[in-house]
Amino acid sequence: MGMSDVEHETHDRLVNLQTQIKNMSGDVVLVGDIMLDRYIHGYANNLNSRAPVPVLKETHRHEDVGAAAHVARGLENIGLDAILFGVIGDDLPGESIIEALEEEEVDCDGIAIIEDRTTTVKTRLIAGREYLISNQQLVLRWDIEDDTPVGAEAHSTIMDQAVNRITTSDVLVISDYGQGVVTDEGAARLINAAKLAEVPVICDPKLTGLHRTAGADWVIFQTRGLDLMAKRMASNDSSEAAKILIKENDWSNLVVLQGENGVTVYTSNGDVISAPCTLAEPRGMIGIIDAAAVAVAAGVNLGLTVEDIAHLANAACECIMSGTQNFTLTSDDLANRLGEVAWSLQISQR
């Protein structure tokens, strides 16, 4: 039994993507909130004797850049040059972020260090039973954050610099975590500048900040976000809600990350493109939005079709959900994942 026409087309698409992703180049202007992520791993075999909460026995911990900084790191790791604009505090977490980004050769000139501001730190406790260590899960997250508005002068300088860099860039990414960097006026300036320069715009928005994405070419949601928006609009059909959101906000494409159900892209012309998840047991979800943003930026930069970008974003999410605890996308991981899926299609029909 051989592959069907559809399977042949998918196989050839994946192989072609695998080749193209290894030869990336280009500049991406990235504007958004910058954070530090901390991960504490361990065993959770018992409950506390005084309260029904797990007791975590720490085995190891590590830090990584988060939010827009994490997207910047992913862009660098697949061969694109990230030019990051945002703010951090004049503190140790902020210093750690700058050091980590400079090691990855991310352009940090657009990052403002603001006195008396606290750098956002998100700490995650991840644990499982000692004899089921492969099935770790998030036990607790606690946040230290400062979401007060960025000072007018500092914010204006950041936006001026970002707008100036857009004219010579290939892609604009806006990563909005509601921490004060992406404002109504600032987002409008960025998107208008990108439109004038014919630079594609990718947005990863908070649901409360959708009005700051008007005119974007690509917007990224997780499936629970779309379901929530459907409820707010009193719609029983997520697909119909997606179409309404696209029309109301003048988006070209809405990318919906559905975890074990893959990736679906809704377009402004009414097309719906789905790329199914091929993982037997999807695990971690931390970092899939950032990975998808990197993949979409790569696809847009390469001039790929919507179908190809859907498959590329799906492969990127699978890299994160494979359970390796590697939350940052790399070109090797992405190329290998594309190759594995193509190979599985080929051998399944032998």
Protein backbone atom coordinates (compact mmCIF):
# COMPACT_ATOMS: atom_id res chain seq x y z
CA MET A 1 0.00 0.00 0.00
CA GLY A 2 1.42 3.40 -0.97
CA MET A 3 0.73 6.88 0.30
CA SER A 4 -2.41 8.67 -0.81
CA ASP A 5 -2.17 11.89 -2.81
CA VAL A 6 -2.78 13.91 0.35
CA GLU A 7 -0.11 11.98 2.26
CA HIS A 8 2.34 12.43 -0.63
CA GLU A 9 1.67 16.15 -0.62
CA THR A 10 2.16 16.37 3.16
CA HIS A 11 5.34 14.28 3.00
CA ASP A 12 6.86 16.44 0.27
CA ARG A 13 5.86 19.62 2.10
CA LEU A 14 7.56 18.46 5.31
CA VAL A 15 10.76 17.44 3.52
CA ASN A 16 10.87 20.78 1.73
CA LEU A 17 10.33 22.64 5.00
CA GLN A 18 13.10 20.62 6.62
CA THR A 19 15.51 21.85 3.97
CA GLN A 20 14.42 25.47 4.10
CA ILE A 21 14.50 25.80 7.88
CA LYS A 22 18.22 25.01 7.90
CA ASN A 23 19.03 28.08 5.83
CA MET A 24 17.39 30.93 7.71
CA SER A 25 18.51 34.55 7.72
CA GLY A 26 16.83 37.89 8.31
CA ASP A 27 16.07 40.56 10.92
CA VAL A 28 13.06 40.47 13.24
CA VAL A 29 11.99 43.48 15.31
CA LEU A 30 10.49 42.11 18.52
CA VAL A 31 8.61 44.38 20.92
CA GLY A 32 7.14 43.14 24.15
CA ASP A 33 7.34 42.26 27.81
CA ILE A 34 10.53 40.68 29.13
CA MET A 35 10.60 38.20 32.01
CA LEU A 36 12.81 35.69 33.79
CA ASP A 37 11.48 32.14 34.12
CA ARG A 38 12.67 29.93 36.96
CA TYR A 39 12.05 26.19 37.07
CA ILE A 40 12.36 24.06 40.19
CA HIS A 41 12.16 20.31 39.51
CA GLY A 42 11.75 17.52 42.03
CA TYR A 43 9.72 14.68 43.51
CA ALA A 44 6.29 15.07 45.08
CA ASN A 45 5.70 11.76 46.83
CA ASN A 46 3.87 12.96 49.94
CA LEU A 47 1.31 15.45 51.19
CA ASN A 48 2.13 17.93 53.92
CA SER A 49 0.93 16.75 57.34
CA ARG A 50 -0.64 20.14 58.11
CA ALA A 51 -2.37 20.90 54.79
CA PRO A 52 -3.49 18.98 51.68
CA VAL A 53 -0.59 20.24 49.56
CA PRO A 54 2.27 18.26 47.98
CA VAL A 55 5.74 18.38 49.50
CA LEU A 56 8.31 18.92 46.75
CA LYS A 57 11.78 17.46 47.23
CA GLU A 58 13.95 19.54 44.91
CA THR A 59 16.35 17.73 42.58
CA HIS A 60 17.50 20.60 40.38
CA ARG A 61 16.61 24.09 39.19
CA HIS A 62 17.45 26.39 36.30
CA GLU A 63 16.63 29.82 34.89
CA ASP A 64 15.70 30.90 31.39
CA VAL A 65 14.58 34.11 29.75
CA GLY A 66 10.83 34.38 29.33
CA ALA A 67 8.05 36.03 27.30
CA ALA A 68 9.43 38.28 24.53
CA ALA A 69 12.99 37.47 25.57
CA HIS A 70 12.22 33.77 25.09
CA VAL A 71 10.88 34.45 21.61
CA ALA A 72 14.07 36.40 20.85
CA ARG A 73 16.19 33.47 21.95
CA GLY A 74 14.17 31.11 19.77
CA LEU A 75 14.55 33.39 16.76
CA GLU A 76 18.32 33.43 17.20
CA ASN A 77 18.39 29.67 17.59
CA ILE A 78 16.75 29.13 14.20
CA GLY A 79 18.98 31.60 12.38
CA LEU A 80 17.06 34.89 12.51
CA ASP A 81 18.52 38.02 14.10
CA ALA A 82 16.26 39.28 16.89
CA ILE A 83 16.21 42.99 17.73
CA LEU A 84 14.46 43.12 21.10
CA PHE A 85 12.70 46.15 22.60
CA GLY A 86 11.31 46.14 26.15
CA VAL A 87 12.07 47.03 29.75
CA ILE A 88 13.65 45.37 32.78
CA GLY A 89 14.41 46.52 36.29
CA ASP A 90 17.82 47.50 37.61
CA ASP A 91 18.09 44.26 39.60
CA LEU A 92 19.68 40.82 39.56
CA PRO A 93 16.93 39.13 37.47
CA GLY A 94 17.26 41.90 34.88
CA GLU A 95 21.02 41.44 34.84
CA SER A 96 20.59 37.68 34.34
CA ILE A 97 18.30 38.31 31.38
CA ILE A 98 20.78 40.64 29.65
CA GLU A 99 23.66 38.21 30.21
CA ALA A 100 21.66 35.28 28.82
CA LEU A 101 20.50 37.21 25.76
CA GLU A 102 23.95 38.56 24.97
CA GLU A 103 25.29 34.99 25.08
CA GLU A 104 22.70 34.16 22.40
CA GLU A 105 23.79 37.26 20.40
CA VAL A 106 20.39 38.93 20.73
CA ASP A 107 20.53 42.67 20.01
CA CYS A 108 19.73 44.18 23.45
CA ASP A 109 20.24 47.86 22.59
CA GLY A 110 16.47 48.38 22.66
CA ILE A 111 16.06 47.11 26.23
CA ALA A 112 15.60 49.93 28.75
CA ILE A 113 16.90 49.33 32.28
CA ILE A 114 14.61 51.29 34.62
CA GLU A 115 15.48 52.10 38.22
CA ASP A 116 12.87 51.28 40.87
CA ARG A 117 11.15 48.84 38.51
CA THR A 118 10.96 45.16 39.38
CA THR A 119 11.85 42.69 36.66
CA THR A 120 9.06 40.14 36.27
CA VAL A 121 10.04 36.68 37.52
CA LYS A 122 7.83 33.62 37.11
CA THR A 123 8.79 30.56 39.13
CA ARG A 124 7.36 27.14 38.29
CA LEU A 125 7.54 24.06 40.51
CA ILE A 126 7.47 20.96 38.33
CA ALA A 127 7.25 17.55 39.95
CA GLY A 128 6.14 13.95 39.73
CA ARG A 129 6.31 10.87 41.90
CA GLU A 130 9.80 9.48 42.16
CA TYR A 131 8.92 6.26 40.35
CA LEU A 132 7.01 8.19 37.63
CA ILE A 133 9.56 10.91 36.97
CA SER A 134 8.77 10.97 33.23
CA ASN A 135 5.24 12.15 34.05
CA GLN A 136 6.16 15.42 35.70
CA GLN A 137 3.61 18.21 35.84
CA LEU A 138 3.31 21.78 37.01
CA VAL A 139 2.53 21.85 40.74
CA LEU A 140 2.66 25.58 41.46
CA ARG A 141 3.60 28.88 39.85
CA TRP A 142 4.27 32.11 41.68
CA ASP A 143 4.92 35.49 40.10
CA ILE A 144 6.87 38.58 41.05
CA GLU A 145 5.87 41.29 38.61
CA ASP A 146 5.53 44.99 38.00
CA ASP A 147 2.76 45.88 35.57
CA THR A 148 2.76 49.61 36.24
CA PRO A 149 2.90 51.76 33.10
CA VAL A 150 6.36 52.43 31.71
CA GLY A 151 7.33 56.10 32.08
CA ALA A 152 6.27 58.24 29.13
CA GLU A 153 9.78 59.31 28.19
CA ALA A 154 11.26 55.80 28.34
CA HIS A 155 8.30 54.33 26.47
CA SER A 156 8.46 56.97 23.73
CA THR A 157 12.18 56.29 23.25
CA ILE A 158 11.58 52.55 22.94
CA MET A 159 8.82 53.03 20.38
CA ASP A 160 10.87 55.55 18.37
CA GLN A 161 13.79 53.14 18.17
CA ALA A 162 11.57 50.19 17.25
CA VAL A 163 9.77 52.11 14.51
CA ASN A 164 13.11 53.18 13.03
CA ARG A 165 14.33 49.57 12.92
CA ILE A 166 11.14 48.24 11.31
CA THR A 167 11.94 49.89 7.97
CA THR A 168 15.04 47.68 7.54
CA SER A 169 13.63 44.49 9.07
CA ASP A 170 11.85 41.48 7.59
CA VAL A 171 9.24 40.77 10.27
CA LEU A 172 7.66 42.56 13.26
CA VAL A 173 6.61 40.49 16.29
CA ILE A 174 4.58 42.02 19.14
CA SER A 175 4.56 39.91 22.30
CA ASP A 176 2.04 41.38 24.75
CA TYR A 177 1.90 39.94 28.28
CA GLY A 178 0.13 42.92 29.77
CA GLN A 179 3.21 44.23 31.60
CA GLY A 180 3.06 47.77 30.22
CA VAL A 181 5.40 47.74 27.23
CA VAL A 182 2.69 47.27 24.58
CA THR A 183 0.22 50.15 24.83
CA ASP A 184 -2.69 51.14 22.60
CA GLU A 185 -0.80 54.04 21.07
CA GLY A 186 2.48 52.16 20.83
CA ALA A 187 0.96 49.12 19.13
CA ALA A 188 -0.83 51.32 16.60
CA ARG A 189 2.45 53.10 15.80
CA LEU A 190 4.30 49.82 15.32
CA ILE A 191 1.67 48.22 13.12
CA ASN A 192 1.21 51.35 11.01
CA ALA A 193 4.97 51.61 10.49
CA ALA A 194 5.12 47.95 9.48
CA LYS A 195 2.26 48.39 7.02
CA LEU A 196 3.98 51.38 5.40
CA ALA A 197 7.22 49.39 5.11
CA GLU A 198 5.33 46.26 3.91
CA VAL A 199 6.71 44.27 6.84
CA PRO A 200 4.51 41.36 8.07
CA VAL A 201 3.14 41.70 11.61
CA ILE A 202 2.80 38.79 14.06
CA CYS A 203 0.99 39.30 17.39
CA ASP A 204 0.84 37.17 20.51
CA PRO A 205 -1.79 39.13 22.48
CA LYS A 206 -3.51 39.03 25.82
CA LEU A 207 -7.25 38.47 25.31
CA THR A 208 -7.85 41.83 26.98
CA GLY A 209 -5.55 43.49 24.44
CA LEU A 210 -7.01 42.31 21.15
CA HIS A 211 -7.75 45.92 20.16
CA ARG A 212 -3.98 46.42 20.05
CA THR A 213 -3.65 43.89 17.22
CA ALA A 214 -5.84 45.60 14.61
CA GLY A 215 -4.43 45.01 11.15
CA ALA A 216 -2.03 42.22 12.13
CA ASP A 217 -1.13 39.62 9.52
CA TRP A 218 -0.82 36.76 12.01
CA VAL A 219 -2.33 36.43 15.48
CA ILE A 220 -1.63 33.46 17.77
CA PHE A 221 -4.10 31.97 20.27
CA GLN A 222 -4.22 28.83 22.35
CA THR A 223 -7.43 26.88 21.90
CA ARG A 224 -8.72 27.77 25.38
CA GLY A 225 -8.36 31.43 24.44
CA LEU A 226 -10.53 30.99 21.36
CA ASP A 227 -13.07 28.99 23.38
CA LEU A 228 -13.23 31.78 25.95
CA MET A 229 -13.73 34.40 23.25
CA ALA A 230 -16.50 32.28 21.73
CA LYS A 231 -18.29 32.25 25.10
CA ARG A 232 -17.90 36.00 25.44
CA MET A 233 -19.48 36.42 22.04
CA ALA A 234 -22.26 33.95 22.96
CA SER A 235 -21.17 31.65 20.15
CA ASN A 236 -21.32 27.86 20.41
CA ASP A 237 -18.96 27.45 17.46
CA SER A 238 -15.27 28.31 17.87
CA SER A 239 -14.81 28.35 14.10
CA GLU A 240 -17.51 30.98 13.75
CA ALA A 241 -15.95 32.97 16.60
CA ALA A 242 -12.58 32.86 14.80
CA LYS A 243 -14.14 34.26 11.64
CA ILE A 244 -15.81 37.07 13.57
CA LEU A 245 -12.57 37.96 15.37
CA ILE A 246 -10.68 38.06 12.08
CA LYS A 247 -13.24 40.40 10.53
CA GLU A 248 -13.62 42.67 13.59
CA ASN A 249 -9.87 43.10 14.06
CA ASP A 250 -8.82 43.11 10.41
CA TRP A 251 -6.49 40.13 10.82
CA SER A 252 -5.21 38.14 7.88
CA ASN A 253 -4.68 34.87 9.74
CA LEU A 254 -5.51 33.45 13.17
CA VAL A 255 -3.30 30.57 14.36
CA VAL A 256 -4.95 28.40 17.03
CA LEU A 257 -2.70 26.05 19.02
CA GLN A 258 -4.75 23.03 20.07
CA GLY A 259 -2.20 20.88 21.85
CA GLU A 260 -2.91 17.21 21.18
CA ASN A 261 -5.27 18.27 18.36
CA GLY A 262 -2.55 20.09 16.41
CA VAL A 263 -2.71 23.55 14.86
CA THR A 264 -5.54 25.20 12.93
CA VAL A 265 -5.19 28.39 10.90
CA TYR A 266 -8.23 30.48 10.03
CA THR A 267 -7.75 32.95 7.19
CA SER A 268 -9.51 36.18 6.25
CA ASN A 269 -10.73 34.62 3.00
CA GLY A 270 -12.55 31.87 4.90
CA ASP A 271 -10.08 29.02 4.51
CA VAL A 272 -9.42 26.69 7.44
CA ILE A 273 -6.13 24.79 7.39
CA SER A 274 -5.42 22.07 9.95
CA ALA A 275 -2.16 20.31 10.79
CA PRO A 276 -2.79 17.33 13.12
CA CYS A 277 -0.54 16.56 16.08
CA THR A 278 1.48 13.40 15.40
CA LEU A 279 2.77 12.82 18.94
CA ALA A 280 1.55 9.63 20.59
CA GLU A 281 1.67 11.20 24.06
CA PRO A 282 1.86 15.02 24.10
CA ARG A 283 3.26 16.21 27.40
CA GLY A 284 4.52 19.68 28.29
CA MET A 285 2.72 22.80 27.08
CA ILE A 286 5.05 25.42 28.57
CA GLY A 287 6.51 27.47 25.75
CA ILE A 288 4.34 26.41 22.81
CA ILE A 289 3.09 29.95 22.12
CA ASP A 290 6.65 31.26 21.94
CA ALA A 291 7.68 28.33 19.72
CA ALA A 292 4.72 28.96 17.42
CA ALA A 293 5.60 32.67 17.18
CA VAL A 294 9.15 31.74 16.17
CA ALA A 295 7.89 29.24 13.59
CA VAL A 296 5.40 31.70 12.09
CA ALA A 297 8.13 34.36 11.89
CA ALA A 298 10.38 31.86 10.13
CA GLY A 299 7.63 30.87 7.72
CA VAL A 300 6.71 34.46 6.92
CA ASN A 301 10.36 35.35 6.42
CA LEU A 302 10.73 32.45 3.97
CA GLY A 303 7.59 33.49 2.09
CA LEU A 304 5.84 30.18 2.77
CA THR A 305 2.20 29.47 2.06
CA VAL A 306 -0.37 29.44 4.86
CA GLU A 307 -0.48 25.63 4.63
CA ASP A 308 3.29 25.38 5.08
CA ILE A 309 3.26 27.79 8.01
CA ALA A 310 0.52 25.73 9.68
CA HIS A 311 2.67 22.59 9.42
CA LEU A 312 5.77 24.46 10.56
CA ALA A 313 3.97 25.86 13.61
CA ASN A 314 2.61 22.40 14.42
CA ALA A 315 6.09 20.86 14.23
CA ALA A 316 7.40 23.64 16.50
CA CYS A 317 4.69 22.90 19.08
CA GLU A 318 5.47 19.18 18.88
CA CYS A 319 9.12 19.93 19.68
CA ILE A 320 7.97 21.53 22.94
CA MET A 321 5.26 18.97 23.73
CA SER A 322 7.54 15.96 23.26
CA GLY A 323 8.34 16.01 26.97
CA THR A 324 12.07 16.72 26.73
CA GLN A 325 11.73 19.69 29.14
CA ASN A 326 13.44 21.82 26.48
CA PHE A 327 11.24 24.89 26.30
CA THR A 328 13.23 26.73 23.62
CA LEU A 329 12.95 25.93 19.93
CA THR A 330 16.10 25.34 17.87
CA SER A 331 16.56 24.87 14.13
CA ASP A 332 17.96 21.37 14.67
CA ASP A 333 14.98 20.32 16.81
CA LEU A 334 12.54 21.74 14.27
CA ALA A 335 14.28 20.17 11.27
CA ASN A 336 14.52 16.81 13.05
CA ARG A 337 10.83 16.90 13.98
CA LEU A 338 9.81 17.66 10.40
CA GLY A 339 11.97 14.77 9.22
CA GLU A 340 10.51 12.38 11.76
CA VAL A 341 6.94 13.16 10.74
CA ALA A 342 7.81 12.82 7.04
CA TRP A 343 9.52 9.49 7.70
CA SER A 344 6.60 8.16 9.75
CA LEU A 345 4.26 8.96 6.87
CA GLN A 346 6.49 7.09 4.47
CA ILE A 347 7.02 3.93 6.51
CA SER A 348 3.40 3.71 7.69
CA GLN A 349 2.33 2.90 4.14
CA ARG A 350 4.96 0.26 3.36
